[in-house]
All heavy atoms as atom14 arrays in JSON, in Angstrom:
{
  "sequence": "SNQQSAIWLFTWVGNKKAIDFYTRAGFTTIGSHDFHV",
  "atom14_mask": [
    [1, 1, 1, 1, 1, 1, 0, 0, 0, 0, 0, 0, 0, 0],
    [1, 1, 1, 1, 1, 1, 1, 1, 0, 0, 0, 0, 0, 0],
    [1, 1, 1, 1, 1, 1, 1, 1, 1, 0, 0, 0, 0, 0],
    [1, 1, 1, 1, 1, 1, 1, 1, 1, 0, 0, 0, 0, 0],
    [1, 1, 1, 1, 1, 1, 0, 0, 0, 0, 0, 0, 0, 0],
    [1, 1, 1, 1, 1, 0, 0, 0, 0, 0, 0, 0, 0, 0],
    [1, 1, 1, 1, 1, 1, 1, 1, 0, 0, 0, 0, 0, 0],
    [1, 1, 1, 1, 1, 1, 1, 1, 1, 1, 1, 1, 1, 1],
    [1, 1, 1, 1, 1, 1, 1, 1, 0, 0, 0, 0, 0, 0],
    [1, 1, 1, 1, 1, 1, 1, 1, 1, 1, 1, 0, 0, 0],
    [1, 1, 1, 1, 1, 1, 1, 0, 0, 0, 0, 0, 0, 0],
    [1, 1, 1, 1, 1, 1, 1, 1, 1, 1, 1, 1, 1, 1],
    [1, 1, 1, 1, 1, 1, 1, 0, 0, 0, 0, 0, 0, 0],
    [1, 1, 1, 1, 0, 0, 0, 0, 0, 0, 0, 0, 0, 0],
    [1, 1, 1, 1, 1, 1, 1, 1, 0, 0, 0, 0, 0, 0],
    [1, 1, 1, 1, 1, 1, 1, 1, 1, 0, 0, 0, 0, 0],
    [1, 1, 1, 1, 1, 1, 1, 1, 1, 0, 0, 0, 0, 0],
    [1, 1, 1, 1, 1, 0, 0, 0, 0, 0, 0, 0, 0, 0],
    [1, 1, 1, 1, 1, 1, 1, 1, 0, 0, 0, 0, 0, 0],
    [1, 1, 1, 1, 1, 1, 1, 1, 0, 0, 0, 0, 0, 0],
    [1, 1, 1, 1, 1, 1, 1, 1, 1, 1, 1, 0, 0, 0],
    [1, 1, 1, 1, 1, 1, 1, 1, 1, 1, 1, 1, 0, 0],
    [1, 1, 1, 1, 1, 1, 1, 0, 0, 0, 0, 0, 0, 0],
    [1, 1, 1, 1, 1, 1, 1, 1, 1, 1, 1, 0, 0, 0],
    [1, 1, 1, 1, 1, 0, 0, 0, 0, 0, 0, 0, 0, 0],
    [1, 1, 1, 1, 0, 0, 0, 0, 0, 0, 0, 0, 0, 0],
    [1, 1, 1, 1, 1, 1, 1, 1, 1, 1, 1, 0, 0, 0],
    [1, 1, 1, 1, 1, 1, 1, 0, 0, 0, 0, 0, 0, 0],
    [1, 1, 1, 1, 1, 1, 1, 0, 0, 0, 0, 0, 0, 0],
    [1, 1, 1, 1, 1, 1, 1, 1, 0, 0, 0, 0, 0, 0],
    [1, 1, 1, 1, 0, 0, 0, 0, 0, 0, 0, 0, 0, 0],
    [1, 1, 1, 1, 1, 1, 0, 0, 0, 0, 0, 0, 0, 0],
    [1, 1, 1, 1, 1, 1, 1, 1, 1, 1, 0, 0, 0, 0],
    [1, 1, 1, 1, 1, 1, 1, 1, 0, 0, 0, 0, 0, 0],
    [1, 1, 1, 1, 1, 1, 1, 1, 1, 1, 1, 0, 0, 0],
    [1, 1, 1, 1, 1, 1, 1, 1, 1, 1, 0, 0, 0, 0],
    [1, 1, 1, 1, 1, 1, 1, 0, 0, 0, 0, 0, 0, 0]
  ],
  "atom14_positions": [
    [[37.06, 39.77, 95.32], [35.62, 39.52, 95.43], [34.87, 40.74, 95.98], [33.65, 40.8, 95.93], [35.34, 38.29, 96.3], [35.66, 38.53, 97.65], [0.0, 0.0, 0.0], [0.0, 0.0, 0.0], [0.0, 0.0, 0.0], [0.0, 0.0, 0.0], [0.0, 0.0, 0.0], [0.0, 0.0, 0.0], [0.0, 0.0, 0.0], [0.0, 0.0, 0.0]],
    [[35.62, 41.71, 96.49], [35.02, 42.97, 96.95], [35.34, 44.13, 96.0], [35.45, 45.28, 96.42], [35.49, 43.26, 98.38], [34.71, 42.45, 99.38], [33.63, 42.83, 99.8], [35.24, 41.29, 99.74], [0.0, 0.0, 0.0], [0.0, 0.0, 0.0], [0.0, 0.0, 0.0], [0.0, 0.0, 0.0], [0.0, 0.0, 0.0], [0.0, 0.0, 0.0]],
    [[35.51, 43.78, 94.72], [35.7, 44.75, 93.64], [36.9, 45.68, 93.86], [36.87, 46.85, 93.46], [34.43, 45.56, 93.39], [33.28, 44.78, 92.82], [32.63, 43.87, 93.85], [32.3, 44.27, 94.95], [32.46, 42.61, 93.49], [0.0, 0.0, 0.0], [0.0, 0.0, 0.0], [0.0, 0.0, 0.0], [0.0, 0.0, 0.0], [0.0, 0.0, 0.0]],
    [[37.95, 45.16, 94.44], [39.17, 45.93, 94.59], [40.06, 45.7, 93.37], [40.04, 44.61, 92.79], [39.9, 45.52, 95.87], [39.07, 45.72, 97.14], [38.79, 47.18, 97.42], [39.66, 47.92, 97.88], [37.58, 47.61, 97.15], [0.0, 0.0, 0.0], [0.0, 0.0, 0.0], [0.0, 0.0, 0.0], [0.0, 0.0, 0.0], [0.0, 0.0, 0.0]],
    [[40.81, 46.7, 92.96], [41.61, 46.6, 91.74], [43.08, 46.3, 92.01], [43.83, 46.03, 91.07], [41.5, 47.89, 90.94], [42.04, 48.97, 91.67], [0.0, 0.0, 0.0], [0.0, 0.0, 0.0], [0.0, 0.0, 0.0], [0.0, 0.0, 0.0], [0.0, 0.0, 0.0], [0.0, 0.0, 0.0], [0.0, 0.0, 0.0], [0.0, 0.0, 0.0]],
    [[43.48, 46.35, 93.28], [44.88, 46.09, 93.62], [44.99, 45.89, 95.13], [44.06, 46.22, 95.88], [45.76, 47.26, 93.19], [0.0, 0.0, 0.0], [0.0, 0.0, 0.0], [0.0, 0.0, 0.0], [0.0, 0.0, 0.0], [0.0, 0.0, 0.0], [0.0, 0.0, 0.0], [0.0, 0.0, 0.0], [0.0, 0.0, 0.0], [0.0, 0.0, 0.0]],
    [[46.14, 45.38, 95.53], [46.44, 45.25, 96.96], [47.85, 45.8, 97.16], [48.74, 45.55, 96.34], [46.26, 43.79, 97.45], [46.31, 43.7, 98.97], [47.26, 42.86, 96.8], [45.8, 42.36, 99.52], [0.0, 0.0, 0.0], [0.0, 0.0, 0.0], [0.0, 0.0, 0.0], [0.0, 0.0, 0.0], [0.0, 0.0, 0.0], [0.0, 0.0, 0.0]],
    [[48.03, 46.58, 98.21], [49.33, 47.19, 98.46], [49.7, 47.04, 99.93], [48.86, 46.72, 100.76], [49.34, 48.66, 98.02], [48.37, 49.56, 98.71], [47.06, 49.77, 98.36], [48.61, 50.36, 99.86], [46.48, 50.66, 99.23], [47.42, 51.04, 100.17], [49.72, 50.57, 100.68], [47.31, 51.92, 101.25], [49.62, 51.45, 101.75], [48.42, 52.11, 102.02]],
    [[50.98, 47.26, 100.21], [51.49, 47.06, 101.56], [52.77, 47.84, 101.78], [53.37, 48.34, 100.84], [51.74, 45.57, 101.81], [52.7, 44.87, 100.85], [54.14, 44.91, 101.33], [52.27, 43.43, 100.65], [0.0, 0.0, 0.0], [0.0, 0.0, 0.0], [0.0, 0.0, 0.0], [0.0, 0.0, 0.0], [0.0, 0.0, 0.0], [0.0, 0.0, 0.0]],
    [[53.17, 47.9, 103.05], [54.48, 48.42, 103.44], [55.27, 47.24, 104.0], [54.7, 46.39, 104.7], [54.37, 49.47, 104.56], [53.57, 50.7, 104.23], [52.77, 51.28, 105.19], [53.63, 51.29, 102.98], [52.04, 52.42, 104.92], [52.9, 52.44, 102.7], [52.11, 53.01, 103.67], [0.0, 0.0, 0.0], [0.0, 0.0, 0.0], [0.0, 0.0, 0.0]],
    [[56.55, 47.2, 103.73], [57.41, 46.19, 104.36], [58.8, 46.79, 104.59], [59.31, 47.54, 103.76], [57.48, 44.88, 103.55], [58.11, 43.87, 104.33], [58.21, 45.05, 102.24], [0.0, 0.0, 0.0], [0.0, 0.0, 0.0], [0.0, 0.0, 0.0], [0.0, 0.0, 0.0], [0.0, 0.0, 0.0], [0.0, 0.0, 0.0], [0.0, 0.0, 0.0]],
    [[59.37, 46.46, 105.73], [60.68, 46.96, 106.12], [61.72, 46.52, 105.1], [61.77, 45.36, 104.71], [61.01, 46.44, 107.52], [62.41, 46.69, 107.98], [63.11, 47.87, 107.88], [63.28, 45.77, 108.62], [64.35, 47.73, 108.42], [64.49, 46.44, 108.89], [63.16, 44.44, 109.0], [65.57, 45.83, 109.5], [64.23, 43.84, 109.62], [65.42, 44.53, 109.87]],
    [[62.55, 47.46, 104.65], [63.55, 47.16, 103.62], [64.58, 46.12, 104.09], [65.21, 45.47, 103.26], [64.27, 48.43, 103.1], [63.29, 49.39, 102.46], [65.09, 49.09, 104.19], [0.0, 0.0, 0.0], [0.0, 0.0, 0.0], [0.0, 0.0, 0.0], [0.0, 0.0, 0.0], [0.0, 0.0, 0.0], [0.0, 0.0, 0.0], [0.0, 0.0, 0.0]],
    [[64.72, 45.95, 105.39], [65.66, 44.96, 105.91], [65.09, 43.56, 106.02], [65.81, 42.62, 106.38], [0.0, 0.0, 0.0], [0.0, 0.0, 0.0], [0.0, 0.0, 0.0], [0.0, 0.0, 0.0], [0.0, 0.0, 0.0], [0.0, 0.0, 0.0], [0.0, 0.0, 0.0], [0.0, 0.0, 0.0], [0.0, 0.0, 0.0], [0.0, 0.0, 0.0]],
    [[63.8, 43.41, 105.71], [63.18, 42.09, 105.8], [63.22, 41.44, 104.41], [62.22, 41.38, 103.7], [61.74, 42.23, 106.32], [61.13, 40.89, 106.69], [61.63, 39.83, 106.32], [60.04, 40.95, 107.43], [0.0, 0.0, 0.0], [0.0, 0.0, 0.0], [0.0, 0.0, 0.0], [0.0, 0.0, 0.0], [0.0, 0.0, 0.0], [0.0, 0.0, 0.0]],
    [[64.39, 40.96, 104.05], [64.61, 40.38, 102.73], [63.67, 39.2, 102.47], [63.15, 39.04, 101.35], [66.07, 39.94, 102.58], [66.38, 39.38, 101.21], [67.85, 39.15, 101.02], [68.24, 38.46, 99.76], [67.33, 38.36, 98.67], [0.0, 0.0, 0.0], [0.0, 0.0, 0.0], [0.0, 0.0, 0.0], [0.0, 0.0, 0.0], [0.0, 0.0, 0.0]],
    [[63.41, 38.41, 103.49], [62.52, 37.25, 103.34], [61.12, 37.71, 102.9], [60.54, 37.13, 101.99], [62.45, 36.49, 104.66], [61.72, 35.18, 104.6], [61.83, 34.47, 105.94], [61.14, 33.14, 105.9], [61.24, 32.42, 107.17], [0.0, 0.0, 0.0], [0.0, 0.0, 0.0], [0.0, 0.0, 0.0], [0.0, 0.0, 0.0], [0.0, 0.0, 0.0]],
    [[60.61, 38.76, 103.52], [59.29, 39.28, 103.15], [59.31, 39.9, 101.76], [58.4, 39.66, 100.95], [58.81, 40.31, 104.17], [0.0, 0.0, 0.0], [0.0, 0.0, 0.0], [0.0, 0.0, 0.0], [0.0, 0.0, 0.0], [0.0, 0.0, 0.0], [0.0, 0.0, 0.0], [0.0, 0.0, 0.0], [0.0, 0.0, 0.0], [0.0, 0.0, 0.0]],
    [[60.33, 40.67, 101.46], [60.42, 41.31, 100.14], [60.47, 40.24, 99.05], [59.76, 40.34, 98.04], [61.65, 42.24, 100.07], [61.43, 43.42, 101.01], [61.89, 42.73, 98.64], [62.68, 44.23, 101.29], [0.0, 0.0, 0.0], [0.0, 0.0, 0.0], [0.0, 0.0, 0.0], [0.0, 0.0, 0.0], [0.0, 0.0, 0.0], [0.0, 0.0, 0.0]],
    [[61.28, 39.2, 99.25], [61.35, 38.11, 98.28], [60.0, 37.41, 98.14], [59.57, 37.07, 97.03], [62.43, 37.09, 98.67], [63.84, 37.64, 98.54], [64.02, 38.71, 97.9], [64.76, 37.0, 99.08], [0.0, 0.0, 0.0], [0.0, 0.0, 0.0], [0.0, 0.0, 0.0], [0.0, 0.0, 0.0], [0.0, 0.0, 0.0], [0.0, 0.0, 0.0]],
    [[59.32, 37.19, 99.25], [58.0, 36.55, 99.25], [57.01, 37.36, 98.41], [56.33, 36.81, 97.53], [57.51, 36.43, 100.71], [56.09, 35.97, 100.86], [55.72, 34.65, 100.66], [55.1, 36.88, 101.24], [54.41, 34.25, 100.81], [53.79, 36.48, 101.41], [53.44, 35.15, 101.19], [0.0, 0.0, 0.0], [0.0, 0.0, 0.0], [0.0, 0.0, 0.0]],
    [[56.95, 38.66, 98.66], [56.0, 39.5, 97.92], [56.39, 39.62, 96.45], [55.52, 39.63, 95.58], [55.88, 40.88, 98.56], [55.27, 40.84, 99.94], [55.92, 41.37, 101.04], [54.02, 40.25, 100.15], [55.37, 41.33, 102.31], [53.46, 40.19, 101.41], [54.14, 40.73, 102.49], [53.58, 40.67, 103.73], [0.0, 0.0, 0.0], [0.0, 0.0, 0.0]],
    [[57.67, 39.7, 96.17], [58.12, 39.79, 94.78], [57.73, 38.52, 94.01], [57.24, 38.6, 92.88], [59.64, 40.03, 94.72], [59.93, 41.26, 95.41], [60.14, 40.12, 93.29], [0.0, 0.0, 0.0], [0.0, 0.0, 0.0], [0.0, 0.0, 0.0], [0.0, 0.0, 0.0], [0.0, 0.0, 0.0], [0.0, 0.0, 0.0], [0.0, 0.0, 0.0]],
    [[57.93, 37.35, 94.62], [57.53, 36.08, 93.99], [56.02, 36.05, 93.73], [55.56, 35.43, 92.78], [57.94, 34.88, 94.84], [59.39, 34.5, 94.74], [59.68, 33.15, 95.39], [59.16, 32.98, 96.74], [59.76, 33.37, 97.86], [60.95, 33.94, 97.81], [59.2, 33.16, 99.03], [0.0, 0.0, 0.0], [0.0, 0.0, 0.0], [0.0, 0.0, 0.0]],
    [[55.25, 36.72, 94.59], [53.8, 36.75, 94.44], [53.35, 37.77, 93.4], [52.15, 37.87, 93.11], [53.13, 37.05, 95.78], [0.0, 0.0, 0.0], [0.0, 0.0, 0.0], [0.0, 0.0, 0.0], [0.0, 0.0, 0.0], [0.0, 0.0, 0.0], [0.0, 0.0, 0.0], [0.0, 0.0, 0.0], [0.0, 0.0, 0.0], [0.0, 0.0, 0.0]],
    [[54.29, 38.55, 92.83], [53.93, 39.49, 91.78], [53.9, 40.95, 92.19], [53.58, 41.83, 91.38], [0.0, 0.0, 0.0], [0.0, 0.0, 0.0], [0.0, 0.0, 0.0], [0.0, 0.0, 0.0], [0.0, 0.0, 0.0], [0.0, 0.0, 0.0], [0.0, 0.0, 0.0], [0.0, 0.0, 0.0], [0.0, 0.0, 0.0], [0.0, 0.0, 0.0]],
    [[54.23, 41.26, 93.43], [54.25, 42.64, 93.89], [55.47, 43.37, 93.31], [56.52, 42.76, 93.1], [54.34, 42.71, 95.42], [53.06, 42.41, 96.14], [52.63, 41.1, 96.32], [52.28, 43.43, 96.67], [51.47, 40.81, 96.99], [51.11, 43.15, 97.35], [50.7, 41.84, 97.51], [0.0, 0.0, 0.0], [0.0, 0.0, 0.0], [0.0, 0.0, 0.0]],
    [[55.3, 44.66, 93.08], [56.41, 45.52, 92.66], [56.54, 46.68, 93.64], [55.56, 47.09, 94.26], [56.19, 46.08, 91.24], [54.95, 46.81, 91.21], [56.16, 44.97, 90.2], [0.0, 0.0, 0.0], [0.0, 0.0, 0.0], [0.0, 0.0, 0.0], [0.0, 0.0, 0.0], [0.0, 0.0, 0.0], [0.0, 0.0, 0.0], [0.0, 0.0, 0.0]],
    [[57.74, 47.19, 93.76], [58.0, 48.32, 94.66], [57.58, 49.61, 93.95], [57.97, 49.85, 92.81], [59.49, 48.37, 95.05], [59.83, 47.13, 95.67], [59.77, 49.51, 96.01], [0.0, 0.0, 0.0], [0.0, 0.0, 0.0], [0.0, 0.0, 0.0], [0.0, 0.0, 0.0], [0.0, 0.0, 0.0], [0.0, 0.0, 0.0], [0.0, 0.0, 0.0]],
    [[56.78, 50.42, 94.65], [56.28, 51.67, 94.06], [56.68, 52.9, 94.86], [56.29, 54.01, 94.52], [54.74, 51.63, 93.88], [54.03, 51.44, 95.23], [54.35, 50.56, 92.87], [52.52, 51.65, 95.18], [0.0, 0.0, 0.0], [0.0, 0.0, 0.0], [0.0, 0.0, 0.0], [0.0, 0.0, 0.0], [0.0, 0.0, 0.0], [0.0, 0.0, 0.0]],
    [[57.43, 52.72, 95.93], [57.86, 53.87, 96.73], [58.43, 53.41, 98.06], [58.63, 52.21, 98.29], [0.0, 0.0, 0.0], [0.0, 0.0, 0.0], [0.0, 0.0, 0.0], [0.0, 0.0, 0.0], [0.0, 0.0, 0.0], [0.0, 0.0, 0.0], [0.0, 0.0, 0.0], [0.0, 0.0, 0.0], [0.0, 0.0, 0.0], [0.0, 0.0, 0.0]],
    [[58.68, 54.39, 98.93], [59.18, 54.08, 100.27], [58.86, 55.23, 101.21], [58.5, 56.33, 100.77], [60.69, 53.82, 100.24], [61.37, 55.0, 99.88], [0.0, 0.0, 0.0], [0.0, 0.0, 0.0], [0.0, 0.0, 0.0], [0.0, 0.0, 0.0], [0.0, 0.0, 0.0], [0.0, 0.0, 0.0], [0.0, 0.0, 0.0], [0.0, 0.0, 0.0]],
    [[58.96, 54.96, 102.5], [58.79, 55.99, 103.52], [59.49, 55.53, 104.79], [59.88, 54.36, 104.91], [57.3, 56.26, 103.8], [56.65, 55.25, 104.69], [56.29, 53.99, 104.25], [56.3, 55.3, 106.0], [55.74, 53.32, 105.25], [55.74, 54.09, 106.32], [0.0, 0.0, 0.0], [0.0, 0.0, 0.0], [0.0, 0.0, 0.0], [0.0, 0.0, 0.0]],
    [[59.64, 56.45, 105.72], [60.22, 56.12, 107.02], [59.1, 55.81, 108.0], [58.24, 56.66, 108.25], [61.09, 57.27, 107.54], [62.35, 57.45, 106.72], [62.83, 56.46, 106.14], [62.85, 58.59, 106.64], [0.0, 0.0, 0.0], [0.0, 0.0, 0.0], [0.0, 0.0, 0.0], [0.0, 0.0, 0.0], [0.0, 0.0, 0.0], [0.0, 0.0, 0.0]],
    [[59.12, 54.6, 108.53], [58.13, 54.15, 109.51], [58.7, 54.39, 110.91], [59.77, 53.89, 111.24], [57.84, 52.66, 109.3], [56.9, 52.09, 110.32], [55.54, 52.25, 110.18], [57.39, 51.39, 111.42], [54.66, 51.72, 111.13], [56.52, 50.86, 112.36], [55.15, 51.03, 112.22], [0.0, 0.0, 0.0], [0.0, 0.0, 0.0], [0.0, 0.0, 0.0]],
    [[57.97, 55.16, 111.7], [58.44, 55.49, 113.05], [58.07, 54.38, 114.03], [56.9, 54.15, 114.31], [57.9, 56.84, 113.5], [58.57, 57.97, 112.8], [59.68, 58.61, 113.3], [58.33, 58.54, 111.59], [60.08, 59.54, 112.44], [59.28, 59.51, 111.39], [0.0, 0.0, 0.0], [0.0, 0.0, 0.0], [0.0, 0.0, 0.0], [0.0, 0.0, 0.0]],
    [[59.12, 53.74, 114.55], [58.96, 52.71, 115.57], [58.85, 53.39, 116.93], [58.12, 52.94, 117.8], [60.16, 51.73, 115.55], [59.99, 50.64, 116.6], [60.33, 51.12, 114.17], [0.0, 0.0, 0.0], [0.0, 0.0, 0.0], [0.0, 0.0, 0.0], [0.0, 0.0, 0.0], [0.0, 0.0, 0.0], [0.0, 0.0, 0.0], [0.0, 0.0, 0.0]]
  ]
}
């Protein structure tokens, strides 16, 4: 509704539950990076 063409996010590769959730919602993996905790 705010004229955005996509939505993107970062998620920890070890969070299988989140990855599965986003994949079921139609998200695809487009890259990766190291997140400094």
